[in-house]
């Protein structure tokens, strides 16, 4: 299953995008837009690493690093959602 197709990820993305739209300060908005892009990129990387079509050996440590990075991005974006309410 593609993570981007996950209902949880779709819901989170909607919440993050809505929260970013509410930001008035353009510098802060750009920072969070970059975080959102990085979030989507991390999901894509994790998907690609789990894909059966990925050539070569899958390195669990590499996947763990990306999952950890995704978690850190989620924490920042979750805080934005809470603060935007």
C-alpha atoms as a PDB file:
ATOM      1  CA  UNK A   1       0.000   0.000   0.000  1.00  0.00           C
ATOM      2  CA  UNK A   2       1.222   3.452  -0.900  1.00  0.00           C
ATOM      3  CA  UNK A   3       1.446   5.658   2.189  1.00  0.00           C
ATOM      4  CA  UNK A   4       0.069   8.624   0.250  1.00  0.00           C
ATOM      5  CA  UNK A   5      -3.101   6.590  -0.364  1.00  0.00           C
ATOM      6  CA  UNK A   6      -3.545   5.919   3.348  1.00  0.00           C
ATOM      7  CA  UNK A   7      -6.658   7.608   4.796  1.00  0.00           C
ATOM      8  CA  UNK A   8      -4.624   8.753   7.831  1.00  0.00           C
ATOM      9  CA  UNK A   9      -1.963  10.382   5.661  1.00  0.00           C
ATOM     10  CA  UNK A  10      -4.601  11.964   3.416  1.00  0.00           C
ATOM     11  CA  UNK A  11      -6.374  13.413   6.458  1.00  0.00           C
ATOM     12  CA  UNK A  12      -3.111  14.713   7.905  1.00  0.00           C
ATOM     13  CA  UNK A  13      -2.158  16.299   4.584  1.00  0.00           C
ATOM     14  CA  UNK A  14      -5.503  18.095   4.381  1.00  0.00           C
ATOM     15  CA  UNK A  15      -5.096  19.359   7.947  1.00  0.00           C
ATOM     16  CA  UNK A  16      -1.520  20.500   7.295  1.00  0.00           C
ATOM     17  CA  UNK A  17      -2.426  22.232   4.029  1.00  0.00           C
ATOM     18  CA  UNK A  18      -5.401  23.993   5.648  1.00  0.00           C
ATOM     19  CA  UNK A  19      -3.243  25.144   8.559  1.00  0.00           C
ATOM     20  CA  UNK A  20      -0.562  26.472   6.196  1.00  0.00           C
ATOM     21  CA  UNK A  21      -3.211  28.408   4.228  1.00  0.00           C
ATOM     22  CA  UNK A  22      -4.200  30.229   7.426  1.00  0.00           C
ATOM     23  CA  UNK A  23      -0.687  31.590   8.057  1.00  0.00           C
ATOM     24  CA  UNK A  24      -0.532  35.319   7.363  1.00  0.00           C
ATOM     25  CA  UNK A  25       3.199  35.937   7.842  1.00  0.00           C
ATOM     26  CA  UNK A  26       4.784  35.068   4.471  1.00  0.00           C
ATOM     27  CA  UNK A  27       8.162  34.033   5.934  1.00  0.00           C
ATOM     28  CA  UNK A  28       6.567  31.612   8.380  1.00  0.00           C
ATOM     29  CA  UNK A  29       4.206  30.383   5.679  1.00  0.00           C
ATOM     30  CA  UNK A  30       7.129  29.622   3.359  1.00  0.00           C
ATOM     31  CA  UNK A  31       8.908  27.736   6.140  1.00  0.00           C
ATOM     32  CA  UNK A  32       5.869  25.540   6.741  1.00  0.00           C
ATOM     33  CA  UNK A  33       5.317  25.052   3.008  1.00  0.00           C
ATOM     34  CA  UNK A  34       8.885  23.720   2.845  1.00  0.00           C
ATOM     35  CA  UNK A  35       8.126  21.394   5.772  1.00  0.00           C
ATOM     36  CA  UNK A  36       5.058  20.138   3.939  1.00  0.00           C
ATOM     37  CA  UNK A  37       7.083  19.459   0.794  1.00  0.00           C
ATOM     38  CA  UNK A  38       9.699  17.642   2.883  1.00  0.00           C
ATOM     39  CA  UNK A  39       6.933  15.611   4.564  1.00  0.00           C
ATOM     40  CA  UNK A  40       5.636  14.454   1.173  1.00  0.00           C
ATOM     41  CA  UNK A  41       9.182  13.691   0.018  1.00  0.00           C
ATOM     42  CA  UNK A  42       9.882  11.573   3.116  1.00  0.00           C
ATOM     43  CA  UNK A  43       6.699   9.591   2.496  1.00  0.00           C
ATOM     44  CA  UNK A  44       7.741   9.001  -1.109  1.00  0.00           C
ATOM     45  CA  UNK A  45      11.214   7.870  -0.040  1.00  0.00           C
ATOM     46  CA  UNK A  46       9.762   5.454   2.524  1.00  0.00           C
ATOM     47  CA  UNK A  47       7.363   4.090  -0.104  1.00  0.00           C
ATOM     48  CA  UNK A  48      10.185   3.640  -2.584  1.00  0.00           C
ATOM     49  CA  UNK A  49      12.360   1.875  -0.019  1.00  0.00           C
ATOM     50  CA  UNK A  50       9.532  -0.564   0.761  1.00  0.00           C
ATOM     51  CA  UNK A  51       8.688  -1.162  -2.877  1.00  0.00           C
ATOM     52  CA  UNK A  52       9.301  -4.644  -4.237  1.00  0.00           C
ATOM     53  CA  UNK A  53      10.614  -3.007  -7.398  1.00  0.00           C
ATOM     54  CA  UNK A  54      13.438  -1.294  -5.477  1.00  0.00           C
ATOM     55  CA  UNK A  55      16.685  -2.680  -6.853  1.00  0.00           C
ATOM     56  CA  UNK A  56      19.273  -3.983  -4.449  1.00  0.00           C
ATOM     57  CA  UNK A  57      19.187  -4.661  -0.765  1.00  0.00           C
ATOM     58  CA  UNK A  58      16.819  -2.824   1.564  1.00  0.00           C
ATOM     59  CA  UNK A  59      18.683  -1.293   4.504  1.00  0.00           C
ATOM     60  CA  UNK A  60      16.521  -1.152   7.643  1.00  0.00           C
ATOM     61  CA  UNK A  61      18.726   1.583   9.110  1.00  0.00           C
ATOM     62  CA  UNK A  62      18.006   3.797   6.100  1.00  0.00           C
ATOM     63  CA  UNK A  63      14.270   3.249   6.455  1.00  0.00           C
ATOM     64  CA  UNK A  64      14.467   3.978  10.186  1.00  0.00           C
ATOM     65  CA  UNK A  65      16.243   7.279   9.518  1.00  0.00           C
ATOM     66  CA  UNK A  66      13.512   8.363   7.111  1.00  0.00           C
ATOM     67  CA  UNK A  67      10.736   7.259   9.463  1.00  0.00           C
ATOM     68  CA  UNK A  68      12.389   9.204  12.286  1.00  0.00           C
ATOM     69  CA  UNK A  69      12.671  12.269  10.033  1.00  0.00           C
ATOM     70  CA  UNK A  70       9.025  11.883   9.043  1.00  0.00           C
ATOM     71  CA  UNK A  71       8.052  11.751  12.712  1.00  0.00           C
ATOM     72  CA  UNK A  72       9.922  14.972  13.430  1.00  0.00           C
ATOM     73  CA  UNK A  73       8.205  16.705  10.513  1.00  0.00           C
ATOM     74  CA  UNK A  74       4.818  15.428  11.696  1.00  0.00           C
ATOM     75  CA  UNK A  75       5.445  16.852  15.162  1.00  0.00           C
ATOM     76  CA  UNK A  76       6.169  20.303  13.736  1.00  0.00           C
ATOM     77  CA  UNK A  77       3.191  20.178  11.379  1.00  0.00           C
ATOM     78  CA  UNK A  78       0.876  18.819  14.107  1.00  0.00           C
ATOM     79  CA  UNK A  79       1.866  21.758  16.312  1.00  0.00           C
ATOM     80  CA  UNK A  80       0.987  24.109  13.454  1.00  0.00           C
ATOM     81  CA  UNK A  81      -2.458  22.514  13.143  1.00  0.00           C
ATOM     82  CA  UNK A  82      -3.096  22.900  16.884  1.00  0.00           C
ATOM     83  CA  UNK A  83      -1.849  26.494  16.873  1.00  0.00           C
ATOM     84  CA  UNK A  84      -4.026  27.381  13.863  1.00  0.00           C
ATOM     85  CA  UNK A  85      -7.264  26.478  15.639  1.00  0.00           C
END
